[in-house]
Amino acid sequence: MGVVDRIAATEGADRIRESGNISAQVHALVLEHVQRGDLAPDEKLVDINLAKRLNISRMPVREALVRLVNEGYLVGTSRGFALAQLDARAIADIFEIRRLIEPHAAALVASAIDAAGLAELDESFALFEGSRPGGKLDEMRRGLTDFRLVWTRYISNSRLAATISRFADHCQIVRAAALHDGPTQALVGRLIGNLLESFRAHDPAAAHRAITVLLDESERHLA
């Protein structure tokens, strides 16, 4: 099944044309697949094909894909849209920015997160850990993405939360291939577990340390 068919098969995709901002809905739908590693580096998204499968006009689909280009997720090619590829310099630049903002944000979340948020983090972490023995990469990626989406929801500054998510998405797309490696899966589980424990303890300093170590190790594995 090609990427266009996978996107069109997503729950709720058949309701896009019924209400609201169609371009925004397509953007959210495609972004979800990009975040979860469902678009391979050699796959192309063609706006006409996706519009046809979603039974909507081409223009809102193109607007959504161009927006993803502007956000750094995709690039335009002569045969459609593809994942943006990051070189070593771009990865280093992204991690420099992430180190400036994420530890501070995580410390704030450690103080702000409530029982409902912690329960959601537990669920996301359990999905990641439970998927490791069977090597279920899609579920592992979904667990990691969901974990980050939960904790960043507790950042009161919406622009800061959006910036963190965007740069984390870019790195997670590059990192997806590394999850095939068992030792890397174990390391990610330990580091995410440490961050979760800092949130459970409502310990800002521990959260700051945990995410700093997570960023350091993430960059090392992408270098």
C-alpha atoms as a PDB file:
ATOM      1  CA  MET A   1       0.000   0.000   0.000  1.00  0.00           C
ATOM      2  CA  GLY A   2       1.453   3.350  -1.062  1.00  0.00           C
ATOM      3  CA  VAL A   3       1.687   6.386   1.180  1.00  0.00           C
ATOM      4  CA  VAL A   4      -1.333   8.076  -0.439  1.00  0.00           C
ATOM      5  CA  ASP A   5      -3.458   4.984   0.218  1.00  0.00           C
ATOM      6  CA  ARG A   6      -2.162   4.751   3.806  1.00  0.00           C
ATOM      7  CA  ILE A   7      -3.078   8.376   4.476  1.00  0.00           C
ATOM      8  CA  ALA A   8      -6.503   7.968   2.889  1.00  0.00           C
ATOM      9  CA  ALA A   9      -7.117   4.874   5.027  1.00  0.00           C
ATOM     10  CA  THR A  10      -6.557   6.791   8.273  1.00  0.00           C
ATOM     11  CA  GLU A  11      -9.546   6.899  10.592  1.00  0.00           C
ATOM     12  CA  GLY A  12     -11.449  10.130   9.969  1.00  0.00           C
ATOM     13  CA  ALA A  13      -9.896  10.818   6.561  1.00  0.00           C
ATOM     14  CA  ASP A  14     -13.248  10.176   4.885  1.00  0.00           C
ATOM     15  CA  ARG A  15     -14.813  13.006   6.908  1.00  0.00           C
ATOM     16  CA  ILE A  16     -12.375  15.761   5.858  1.00  0.00           C
ATOM     17  CA  ARG A  17     -14.720  17.235   3.276  1.00  0.00           C
ATOM     18  CA  GLU A  18     -17.643  17.534   5.689  1.00  0.00           C
ATOM     19  CA  SER A  19     -16.708  20.602   7.729  1.00  0.00           C
ATOM     20  CA  GLY A  20     -14.075  23.096   8.852  1.00  0.00           C
ATOM     21  CA  ASN A  21     -10.859  24.209   7.223  1.00  0.00           C
ATOM     22  CA  ILE A  22     -10.083  21.470   4.699  1.00  0.00           C
ATOM     23  CA  SER A  23      -6.448  22.520   4.200  1.00  0.00           C
ATOM     24  CA  ALA A  24      -5.809  22.471   7.972  1.00  0.00           C
ATOM     25  CA  GLN A  25      -7.363  19.022   8.245  1.00  0.00           C
ATOM     26  CA  VAL A  26      -5.198  17.662   5.431  1.00  0.00           C
ATOM     27  CA  HIS A  27      -2.136  19.250   7.044  1.00  0.00           C
ATOM     28  CA  ALA A  28      -2.887  17.531  10.357  1.00  0.00           C
ATOM     29  CA  LEU A  29      -3.540  14.220   8.627  1.00  0.00           C
ATOM     30  CA  VAL A  30      -0.303  14.215   6.626  1.00  0.00           C
ATOM     31  CA  LEU A  31       1.721  15.529   9.576  1.00  0.00           C
ATOM     32  CA  GLU A  32       0.507  12.636  11.720  1.00  0.00           C
ATOM     33  CA  HIS A  33       1.931  10.176   9.198  1.00  0.00           C
ATOM     34  CA  VAL A  34       5.188  12.108   8.892  1.00  0.00           C
ATOM     35  CA  GLN A  35       5.585  12.223  12.690  1.00  0.00           C
ATOM     36  CA  ARG A  36       5.091   8.490  12.993  1.00  0.00           C
ATOM     37  CA  GLY A  37       7.611   7.633  10.303  1.00  0.00           C
ATOM     38  CA  ASP A  38       5.041   6.441   7.803  1.00  0.00           C
ATOM     39  CA  LEU A  39       6.606   8.289   4.862  1.00  0.00           C
ATOM     40  CA  ALA A  40       9.750   6.607   3.561  1.00  0.00           C
ATOM     41  CA  PRO A  41      12.603   8.779   2.204  1.00  0.00           C
ATOM     42  CA  ASP A  42      12.033   7.511  -1.324  1.00  0.00           C
ATOM     43  CA  GLU A  43       8.250   7.972  -1.336  1.00  0.00           C
ATOM     44  CA  LYS A  44       6.557  10.910  -3.030  1.00  0.00           C
ATOM     45  CA  LEU A  45       3.301  12.634  -2.126  1.00  0.00           C
ATOM     46  CA  VAL A  46       1.528  13.932  -5.224  1.00  0.00           C
ATOM     47  CA  ASP A  47      -1.175  16.477  -4.458  1.00  0.00           C
ATOM     48  CA  ILE A  48      -3.455  15.398  -7.314  1.00  0.00           C
ATOM     49  CA  ASN A  49      -3.353  11.756  -6.237  1.00  0.00           C
ATOM     50  CA  LEU A  50      -3.985  12.540  -2.572  1.00  0.00           C
ATOM     51  CA  ALA A  51      -6.857  14.886  -3.426  1.00  0.00           C
ATOM     52  CA  LYS A  52      -8.462  12.193  -5.566  1.00  0.00           C
ATOM     53  CA  ARG A  53      -8.177   9.559  -2.805  1.00  0.00           C
ATOM     54  CA  LEU A  54      -9.631  11.966  -0.229  1.00  0.00           C
ATOM     55  CA  ASN A  55     -12.375  13.018  -2.658  1.00  0.00           C
ATOM     56  CA  ILE A  56     -11.577  16.719  -2.283  1.00  0.00           C
ATOM     57  CA  SER A  57     -10.215  19.409  -4.600  1.00  0.00           C
ATOM     58  CA  ARG A  58      -6.502  19.733  -5.285  1.00  0.00           C
ATOM     59  CA  MET A  59      -5.994  23.268  -3.958  1.00  0.00           C
ATOM     60  CA  PRO A  60      -6.439  22.625  -0.198  1.00  0.00           C
ATOM     61  CA  VAL A  61      -4.208  19.559  -0.476  1.00  0.00           C
ATOM     62  CA  ARG A  62      -1.494  21.582  -2.193  1.00  0.00           C
ATOM     63  CA  GLU A  63      -1.838  24.340   0.421  1.00  0.00           C
ATOM     64  CA  ALA A  64      -1.372  21.768   3.187  1.00  0.00           C
ATOM     65  CA  LEU A  65       1.710  20.231   1.552  1.00  0.00           C
ATOM     66  CA  VAL A  66       3.279  23.640   0.875  1.00  0.00           C
ATOM     67  CA  ARG A  67       2.711  24.538   4.533  1.00  0.00           C
ATOM     68  CA  LEU A  68       4.588  21.355   5.513  1.00  0.00           C
ATOM     69  CA  VAL A  69       7.415  22.471   3.214  1.00  0.00           C
ATOM     70  CA  ASN A  70       7.516  25.864   4.944  1.00  0.00           C
ATOM     71  CA  GLU A  71       7.638  24.111   8.323  1.00  0.00           C
ATOM     72  CA  GLY A  72      10.617  22.029   7.198  1.00  0.00           C
ATOM     73  CA  TYR A  73       8.934  18.618   7.071  1.00  0.00           C
ATOM     74  CA  LEU A  74       8.767  18.187   3.291  1.00  0.00           C
ATOM     75  CA  VAL A  75      10.535  19.432   0.188  1.00  0.00           C
ATOM     76  CA  GLY A  76       9.071  19.962  -3.244  1.00  0.00           C
ATOM     77  CA  THR A  77      10.436  17.848  -6.095  1.00  0.00           C
ATOM     78  CA  SER A  78       9.656  17.541  -9.792  1.00  0.00           C
ATOM     79  CA  ARG A  79       7.589  14.436  -9.011  1.00  0.00           C
ATOM     80  CA  GLY A  80       5.784  15.478  -5.854  1.00  0.00           C
ATOM     81  CA  PHE A  81       6.626  16.180  -2.229  1.00  0.00           C
ATOM     82  CA  ALA A  82       9.168  14.177  -0.229  1.00  0.00           C
ATOM     83  CA  LEU A  83      10.633  14.100   3.265  1.00  0.00           C
ATOM     84  CA  ALA A  84      13.203  16.793   3.945  1.00  0.00           C
ATOM     85  CA  GLN A  85      16.672  15.314   4.430  1.00  0.00           C
ATOM     86  CA  LEU A  86      18.871  16.757   7.168  1.00  0.00           C
ATOM     87  CA  ASP A  87      22.650  16.903   6.815  1.00  0.00           C
ATOM     88  CA  ALA A  88      25.082  16.964   9.750  1.00  0.00           C
ATOM     89  CA  ARG A  89      25.120  20.779   9.916  1.00  0.00           C
ATOM     90  CA  ALA A  90      21.331  20.986  10.020  1.00  0.00           C
ATOM     91  CA  ILE A  91      21.131  18.353  12.760  1.00  0.00           C
ATOM     92  CA  ALA A  92      23.726  20.212  14.843  1.00  0.00           C
ATOM     93  CA  ASP A  93      21.833  23.483  14.399  1.00  0.00           C
ATOM     94  CA  ILE A  94      18.545  21.887  15.481  1.00  0.00           C
ATOM     95  CA  PHE A  95      20.055  20.382  18.612  1.00  0.00           C
ATOM     96  CA  GLU A  96      21.656  23.699  19.518  1.00  0.00           C
ATOM     97  CA  ILE A  97      18.190  25.255  19.497  1.00  0.00           C
ATOM     98  CA  ARG A  98      16.607  22.324  21.331  1.00  0.00           C
ATOM     99  CA  ARG A  99      19.159  22.576  24.154  1.00  0.00           C
ATOM    100  CA  LEU A 100      18.267  26.225  24.612  1.00  0.00           C
ATOM    101  CA  ILE A 101      14.536  25.653  25.025  1.00  0.00           C
ATOM    102  CA  GLU A 102      13.583  22.088  25.924  1.00  0.00           C
ATOM    103  CA  PRO A 103      15.235  21.727  29.367  1.00  0.00           C
ATOM    104  CA  HIS A 104      13.543  24.941  30.528  1.00  0.00           C
ATOM    105  CA  ALA A 105      10.207  23.780  29.117  1.00  0.00           C
ATOM    106  CA  ALA A 106      10.493  20.338  30.713  1.00  0.00           C
ATOM    107  CA  ALA A 107      11.227  21.936  34.087  1.00  0.00           C
ATOM    108  CA  LEU A 108       8.054  24.018  33.789  1.00  0.00           C
ATOM    109  CA  VAL A 109       6.024  20.953  32.839  1.00  0.00           C
ATOM    110  CA  ALA A 110       7.326  19.025  35.851  1.00  0.00           C
ATOM    111  CA  SER A 111       5.632  21.599  38.047  1.00  0.00           C
ATOM    112  CA  ALA A 112       2.474  21.926  35.964  1.00  0.00           C
ATOM    113  CA  ILE A 113       1.550  18.406  34.877  1.00  0.00           C
ATOM    114  CA  ASP A 114      -1.450  16.817  36.589  1.00  0.00           C
ATOM    115  CA  ALA A 115      -2.598  13.247  37.266  1.00  0.00           C
ATOM    116  CA  ALA A 116      -4.424  13.006  33.938  1.00  0.00           C
ATOM    117  CA  GLY A 117      -1.312  14.028  32.024  1.00  0.00           C
ATOM    118  CA  LEU A 118       0.841  11.563  33.944  1.00  0.00           C
ATOM    119  CA  ALA A 119      -1.628   8.790  33.141  1.00  0.00           C
ATOM    120  CA  GLU A 120      -1.352   9.631  29.442  1.00  0.00           C
ATOM    121  CA  LEU A 121       2.447   9.626  29.656  1.00  0.00           C
ATOM    122  CA  ASP A 122       2.331   6.226  31.364  1.00  0.00           C
ATOM    123  CA  GLU A 123       0.147   4.905  28.549  1.00  0.00           C
ATOM    124  CA  SER A 124       2.443   6.241  25.819  1.00  0.00           C
ATOM    125  CA  PHE A 125       5.556   4.904  27.542  1.00  0.00           C
ATOM    126  CA  ALA A 126       3.888   1.517  28.019  1.00  0.00           C
ATOM    127  CA  LEU A 127       3.096   1.421  24.289  1.00  0.00           C
ATOM    128  CA  PHE A 128       6.761   2.037  23.456  1.00  0.00           C
ATOM    129  CA  GLU A 129       8.096  -0.494  25.959  1.00  0.00           C
ATOM    130  CA  GLY A 130       5.470  -3.106  25.110  1.00  0.00           C
ATOM    131  CA  SER A 131       6.316  -2.878  21.414  1.00  0.00           C
ATOM    132  CA  ARG A 132      10.031  -3.476  21.845  1.00  0.00           C
ATOM    133  CA  PRO A 133      10.041  -7.291  22.339  1.00  0.00           C
ATOM    134  CA  GLY A 134       8.182  -7.864  19.086  1.00  0.00           C
ATOM    135  CA  GLY A 135      10.108  -5.227  17.181  1.00  0.00           C
ATOM    136  CA  LYS A 136       6.914  -3.334  16.322  1.00  0.00           C
ATOM    137  CA  LEU A 137       8.552  -0.183  14.997  1.00  0.00           C
ATOM    138  CA  ASP A 138       5.347   1.631  14.052  1.00  0.00           C
ATOM    139  CA  GLU A 139       4.006   1.274  17.589  1.00  0.00           C
ATOM    140  CA  MET A 140       7.341   2.280  19.104  1.00  0.00           C
ATOM    141  CA  ARG A 141       7.381   5.457  17.024  1.00  0.00           C
ATOM    142  CA  ARG A 142       3.772   6.159  17.921  1.00  0.00           C
ATOM    143  CA  GLY A 143       4.553   5.742  21.616  1.00  0.00           C
ATOM    144  CA  LEU A 144       7.455   8.202  21.404  1.00  0.00           C
ATOM    145  CA  THR A 145       5.446  10.744  19.419  1.00  0.00           C
ATOM    146  CA  ASP A 146       2.455  10.499  21.744  1.00  0.00           C
ATOM    147  CA  PHE A 147       4.700  10.868  24.815  1.00  0.00           C
ATOM    148  CA  ARG A 148       6.138  14.115  23.491  1.00  0.00           C
ATOM    149  CA  LEU A 149       2.760  15.448  22.377  1.00  0.00           C
ATOM    150  CA  VAL A 150       1.391  14.873  25.884  1.00  0.00           C
ATOM    151  CA  TRP A 151       4.123  16.617  27.858  1.00  0.00           C
ATOM    152  CA  THR A 152       4.392  19.563  25.461  1.00  0.00           C
ATOM    153  CA  ARG A 153       0.646  20.105  25.851  1.00  0.00           C
ATOM    154  CA  TYR A 154       1.396  21.259  29.400  1.00  0.00           C
ATOM    155  CA  ILE A 155       3.633  24.105  28.178  1.00  0.00           C
ATOM    156  CA  SER A 156       1.599  27.265  28.688  1.00  0.00           C
ATOM    157  CA  ASN A 157       3.382  29.107  25.857  1.00  0.00           C
ATOM    158  CA  SER A 158       1.777  27.635  22.731  1.00  0.00           C
ATOM    159  CA  ARG A 159       4.463  29.002  20.402  1.00  0.00           C
ATOM    160  CA  LEU A 160       7.187  27.418  22.502  1.00  0.00           C
ATOM    161  CA  ALA A 161       5.324  24.097  22.454  1.00  0.00           C
ATOM    162  CA  ALA A 162       4.910  24.266  18.674  1.00  0.00           C
ATOM    163  CA  THR A 163       8.596  25.061  18.167  1.00  0.00           C
ATOM    164  CA  ILE A 164       9.689  22.152  20.338  1.00  0.00           C
ATOM    165  CA  SER A 165       7.374  19.759  18.527  1.00  0.00           C
ATOM    166  CA  ARG A 166       8.519  20.878  15.090  1.00  0.00           C
ATOM    167  CA  PHE A 167      12.232  20.453  15.791  1.00  0.00           C
ATOM    168  CA  ALA A 168      11.671  17.180  17.651  1.00  0.00           C
ATOM    169  CA  ASP A 169       9.669  15.899  14.681  1.00  0.00           C
ATOM    170  CA  HIS A 170      12.520  16.690  12.298  1.00  0.00           C
ATOM    171  CA  CYS A 171      14.974  14.716  14.423  1.00  0.00           C
ATOM    172  CA  GLN A 172      12.581  11.841  15.039  1.00  0.00           C
ATOM    173  CA  ILE A 173      12.124  11.380  11.294  1.00  0.00           C
ATOM    174  CA  VAL A 174      15.898  11.028  10.899  1.00  0.00           C
ATOM    175  CA  ARG A 175      16.164   8.829  13.997  1.00  0.00           C
ATOM    176  CA  ALA A 176      13.443   6.402  12.884  1.00  0.00           C
ATOM    177  CA  ALA A 177      15.906   4.015  11.232  1.00  0.00           C
ATOM    178  CA  ALA A 178      17.960   3.765  14.437  1.00  0.00           C
ATOM    179  CA  LEU A 179      15.025   2.175  16.264  1.00  0.00           C
ATOM    180  CA  HIS A 180      15.705  -1.055  14.380  1.00  0.00           C
ATOM    181  CA  ASP A 181      18.660  -1.483  16.740  1.00  0.00           C
ATOM    182  CA  GLY A 182      17.890  -3.277  20.016  1.00  0.00           C
ATOM    183  CA  PRO A 183      20.478  -1.471  22.176  1.00  0.00           C
ATOM    184  CA  THR A 184      19.194   1.878  20.876  1.00  0.00           C
ATOM    185  CA  GLN A 185      15.642   0.893  21.786  1.00  0.00           C
ATOM    186  CA  ALA A 186      16.813   0.033  25.311  1.00  0.00           C
ATOM    187  CA  LEU A 187      18.679   3.331  25.651  1.00  0.00           C
ATOM    188  CA  VAL A 188      15.681   5.358  24.452  1.00  0.00           C
ATOM    189  CA  GLY A 189      13.450   3.485  26.892  1.00  0.00           C
ATOM    190  CA  ARG A 190      15.782   4.240  29.801  1.00  0.00           C
ATOM    191  CA  LEU A 191      16.099   7.934  28.950  1.00  0.00           C
ATOM    192  CA  ILE A 192      12.374   8.447  28.381  1.00  0.00           C
ATOM    193  CA  GLY A 193      11.745   6.527  31.597  1.00  0.00           C
ATOM    194  CA  ASN A 194      14.019   8.940  33.479  1.00  0.00           C
ATOM    195  CA  LEU A 195      12.099  11.894  32.083  1.00  0.00           C
ATOM    196  CA  LEU A 196       8.808  10.281  33.068  1.00  0.00           C
ATOM    197  CA  GLU A 197      10.067   9.734  36.614  1.00  0.00           C
ATOM    198  CA  SER A 198      11.023  13.409  36.908  1.00  0.00           C
ATOM    199  CA  PHE A 199       7.510  14.403  35.844  1.00  0.00           C
ATOM    200  CA  ARG A 200       5.974  11.957  38.334  1.00  0.00           C
ATOM    201  CA  ALA A 201       8.112  13.468  41.092  1.00  0.00           C
ATOM    202  CA  HIS A 202       7.208  17.019  39.996  1.00  0.00           C
ATOM    203  CA  ASP A 203      10.945  17.719  40.118  1.00  0.00           C
ATOM    204  CA  PRO A 204      11.918  20.578  37.741  1.00  0.00           C
ATOM    205  CA  ALA A 205      15.662  20.115  38.245  1.00  0.00           C
ATOM    206  CA  ALA A 206      15.446  16.394  37.491  1.00  0.00           C
ATOM    207  CA  ALA A 207      13.352  17.070  34.390  1.00  0.00           C
ATOM    208  CA  HIS A 208      15.931  19.615  33.211  1.00  0.00           C
ATOM    209  CA  ARG A 209      18.720  17.051  33.667  1.00  0.00           C
ATOM    210  CA  ALA A 210      16.768  14.181  32.129  1.00  0.00           C
ATOM    211  CA  ILE A 211      15.928  15.959  28.912  1.00  0.00           C
ATOM    212  CA  THR A 212      19.445  17.385  28.596  1.00  0.00           C
ATOM    213  CA  VAL A 213      20.873  13.858  28.704  1.00  0.00           C
ATOM    214  CA  LEU A 214      18.184  12.697  26.274  1.00  0.00           C
ATOM    215  CA  LEU A 215      19.149  15.441  23.820  1.00  0.00           C
ATOM    216  CA  ASP A 216      22.870  14.682  24.158  1.00  0.00           C
ATOM    217  CA  GLU A 217      22.358  10.987  23.471  1.00  0.00           C
ATOM    218  CA  SER A 218      19.922  11.646  20.631  1.00  0.00           C
ATOM    219  CA  GLU A 219      22.397  13.886  18.836  1.00  0.00           C
ATOM    220  CA  ARG A 220      25.208  11.396  19.378  1.00  0.00           C
ATOM    221  CA  HIS A 221      23.183   8.646  17.713  1.00  0.00           C
ATOM    222  CA  LEU A 222      22.300  10.887  14.776  1.00  0.00           C
ATOM    223  CA  ALA A 223      25.845  12.173  14.227  1.00  0.00           C
END
